[in-house]
Structure formats: structure tokens, C-alpha cells
Amino acid sequence: MANSASAKKRARQASKRRLHNQALRSRMRTYIKGVLAAVESGDKAAAATAYQQAVPFIDSAVNKGLIHKNKASRSKSRLNARVKAMA
């Protein structure tokens, strides 16, 4: 465990940041699952809407350093391919 005051503060900050990052990552994954669920149900309009809602959250996750930009690009590409394959 941390001994100095600065190390204790850093531990507190890291803990708070970890919880915040977990929440943001979970929200992003929920949006991605929403797109996949809409694709599985066969509703093209719902899938397109869910995709449009998911993209900004994926992009914001990149800006916040939660995921790498290539992972975001790959996720968006795969989701978009699934939505377009429904046509």
C-alpha cells in the first residue's frame, strides 16, 4: 500500500478513474450490443438507427483513451458491414 501522501492521492485518483473508465467502456459495449441485437432481429431501420447512435460513443471512447483508434475503426467497420448486409 502507498505510504506517502502523494502516493495515497494517486491511488485514490486511479481508483476513481478506473471506475469512470469502466462505466464508459460498458456504455460503449451496450451500444454495440444494441446494434448487434437489431441486426439479429432483422429490423433494418432499427439497426441503422442503433448504428448511428453507437458511432459517436465509439469515437468518444477513442478521444478519452479507452480504446485504440484502430479498434474503433474496426468495430465501426464490422457493425456497418452487418447493417448493410441486411439490405
C-alpha atoms as a PDB file:
ATOM      1  CA  MET A   1       0.000   0.000   0.000  1.00  0.00           C
ATOM      2  CA  ALA A   2       1.049   3.596  -0.565  1.00  0.00           C
ATOM      3  CA  ASN A   3       2.965   5.313   2.224  1.00  0.00           C
ATOM      4  CA  SER A   4       3.426   8.902   1.108  1.00  0.00           C
ATOM      5  CA  ALA A   5       0.564  11.362   0.839  1.00  0.00           C
ATOM      6  CA  SER A   6       1.116  11.829  -2.876  1.00  0.00           C
ATOM      7  CA  ALA A   7       1.057   8.065  -3.474  1.00  0.00           C
ATOM      8  CA  LYS A   8      -2.170   7.754  -1.478  1.00  0.00           C
ATOM      9  CA  LYS A   9      -3.728  10.517  -3.537  1.00  0.00           C
ATOM     10  CA  ARG A  10      -2.582   8.836  -6.738  1.00  0.00           C
ATOM     11  CA  ALA A  11      -4.183   5.570  -5.587  1.00  0.00           C
ATOM     12  CA  ARG A  12      -7.456   7.375  -4.925  1.00  0.00           C
ATOM     13  CA  GLN A  13      -7.352   9.093  -8.304  1.00  0.00           C
ATOM     14  CA  ALA A  14      -6.542   5.858 -10.099  1.00  0.00           C
ATOM     15  CA  SER A  15      -9.435   4.109  -8.397  1.00  0.00           C
ATOM     16  CA  LYS A  16     -11.910   6.826  -9.352  1.00  0.00           C
ATOM     17  CA  ARG A  17     -10.586   6.963 -12.911  1.00  0.00           C
ATOM     18  CA  ARG A  18     -10.815   3.174 -13.243  1.00  0.00           C
ATOM     19  CA  LEU A  19     -14.470   3.189 -12.190  1.00  0.00           C
ATOM     20  CA  HIS A  20     -15.221   6.034 -14.583  1.00  0.00           C
ATOM     21  CA  ASN A  21     -13.464   4.269 -17.454  1.00  0.00           C
ATOM     22  CA  GLN A  22     -15.314   1.034 -16.672  1.00  0.00           C
ATOM     23  CA  ALA A  23     -18.644   2.857 -16.892  1.00  0.00           C
ATOM     24  CA  LEU A  24     -17.769   4.488 -20.211  1.00  0.00           C
ATOM     25  CA  ARG A  25     -16.459   1.233 -21.674  1.00  0.00           C
ATOM     26  CA  SER A  26     -19.588  -0.589 -20.522  1.00  0.00           C
ATOM     27  CA  ARG A  27     -21.827   2.052 -22.113  1.00  0.00           C
ATOM     28  CA  MET A  28     -19.931   1.750 -25.390  1.00  0.00           C
ATOM     29  CA  ARG A  29     -20.283  -2.040 -25.357  1.00  0.00           C
ATOM     30  CA  THR A  30     -24.006  -1.696 -24.625  1.00  0.00           C
ATOM     31  CA  TYR A  31     -24.449   0.473 -27.720  1.00  0.00           C
ATOM     32  CA  ILE A  32     -22.523  -2.069 -29.795  1.00  0.00           C
ATOM     33  CA  LYS A  33     -24.697  -4.889 -28.459  1.00  0.00           C
ATOM     34  CA  GLY A  34     -27.765  -2.836 -29.358  1.00  0.00           C
ATOM     35  CA  VAL A  35     -26.659  -2.730 -32.981  1.00  0.00           C
ATOM     36  CA  LEU A  36     -25.976  -6.470 -32.997  1.00  0.00           C
ATOM     37  CA  ALA A  37     -29.364  -7.207 -31.412  1.00  0.00           C
ATOM     38  CA  ALA A  38     -31.140  -5.080 -34.010  1.00  0.00           C
ATOM     39  CA  VAL A  39     -29.270  -6.893 -36.785  1.00  0.00           C
ATOM     40  CA  GLU A  40     -30.217 -10.276 -35.319  1.00  0.00           C
ATOM     41  CA  SER A  41     -33.864  -9.265 -35.079  1.00  0.00           C
ATOM     42  CA  GLY A  42     -33.857  -8.368 -38.772  1.00  0.00           C
ATOM     43  CA  ASP A  43     -35.107  -4.796 -38.360  1.00  0.00           C
ATOM     44  CA  LYS A  44     -33.016  -2.767 -40.800  1.00  0.00           C
ATOM     45  CA  ALA A  45     -34.338   0.613 -39.673  1.00  0.00           C
ATOM     46  CA  ALA A  46     -33.648  -0.138 -36.019  1.00  0.00           C
ATOM     47  CA  ALA A  47     -30.184  -1.449 -36.868  1.00  0.00           C
ATOM     48  CA  ALA A  48     -29.334   1.691 -38.835  1.00  0.00           C
ATOM     49  CA  THR A  49     -30.583   3.906 -36.003  1.00  0.00           C
ATOM     50  CA  ALA A  50     -28.660   1.920 -33.401  1.00  0.00           C
ATOM     51  CA  TYR A  51     -25.521   2.154 -35.534  1.00  0.00           C
ATOM     52  CA  GLN A  52     -25.893   5.936 -35.835  1.00  0.00           C
ATOM     53  CA  GLN A  53     -26.167   6.149 -32.041  1.00  0.00           C
ATOM     54  CA  ALA A  54     -23.199   3.843 -31.417  1.00  0.00           C
ATOM     55  CA  VAL A  55     -20.682   5.602 -33.658  1.00  0.00           C
ATOM     56  CA  PRO A  56     -20.331   8.797 -31.568  1.00  0.00           C
ATOM     57  CA  PHE A  57     -19.788   6.775 -28.386  1.00  0.00           C
ATOM     58  CA  ILE A  58     -17.129   4.669 -30.064  1.00  0.00           C
ATOM     59  CA  ASP A  59     -15.398   7.821 -31.317  1.00  0.00           C
ATOM     60  CA  SER A  60     -15.571   9.472 -27.901  1.00  0.00           C
ATOM     61  CA  ALA A  61     -14.014   6.356 -26.354  1.00  0.00           C
ATOM     62  CA  VAL A  62     -11.025   6.896 -28.643  1.00  0.00           C
ATOM     63  CA  ASN A  63     -10.728  10.546 -27.651  1.00  0.00           C
ATOM     64  CA  LYS A  64     -10.815   9.577 -23.973  1.00  0.00           C
ATOM     65  CA  GLY A  65      -8.136   6.936 -24.438  1.00  0.00           C
ATOM     66  CA  LEU A  66     -10.363   3.957 -23.605  1.00  0.00           C
ATOM     67  CA  ILE A  67      -9.713   2.126 -26.858  1.00  0.00           C
ATOM     68  CA  HIS A  68      -7.232   2.443 -29.704  1.00  0.00           C
ATOM     69  CA  LYS A  69      -8.327   4.265 -32.842  1.00  0.00           C
ATOM     70  CA  ASN A  70      -7.761   1.150 -34.959  1.00  0.00           C
ATOM     71  CA  LYS A  71     -10.046  -0.888 -32.696  1.00  0.00           C
ATOM     72  CA  ALA A  72     -12.720   1.782 -33.026  1.00  0.00           C
ATOM     73  CA  SER A  73     -12.354   1.816 -36.788  1.00  0.00           C
ATOM     74  CA  ARG A  74     -12.534  -1.975 -36.918  1.00  0.00           C
ATOM     75  CA  SER A  75     -15.639  -2.059 -34.715  1.00  0.00           C
ATOM     76  CA  LYS A  76     -17.429   0.587 -36.762  1.00  0.00           C
ATOM     77  CA  SER A  77     -16.492  -1.143 -40.000  1.00  0.00           C
ATOM     78  CA  ARG A  78     -17.766  -4.536 -38.843  1.00  0.00           C
ATOM     79  CA  LEU A  79     -21.004  -3.084 -37.484  1.00  0.00           C
ATOM     80  CA  ASN A  80     -21.599  -1.113 -40.665  1.00  0.00           C
ATOM     81  CA  ALA A  81     -20.945  -4.201 -42.786  1.00  0.00           C
ATOM     82  CA  ARG A  82     -23.527  -6.143 -40.803  1.00  0.00           C
ATOM     83  CA  VAL A  83     -26.112  -3.378 -41.150  1.00  0.00           C
ATOM     84  CA  LYS A  84     -25.515  -3.049 -44.892  1.00  0.00           C
ATOM     85  CA  ALA A  85     -25.665  -6.832 -45.390  1.00  0.00           C
ATOM     86  CA  MET A  86     -29.297  -6.738 -44.264  1.00  0.00           C
ATOM     87  CA  ALA A  87     -30.403  -4.989 -47.465  1.00  0.00           C
END
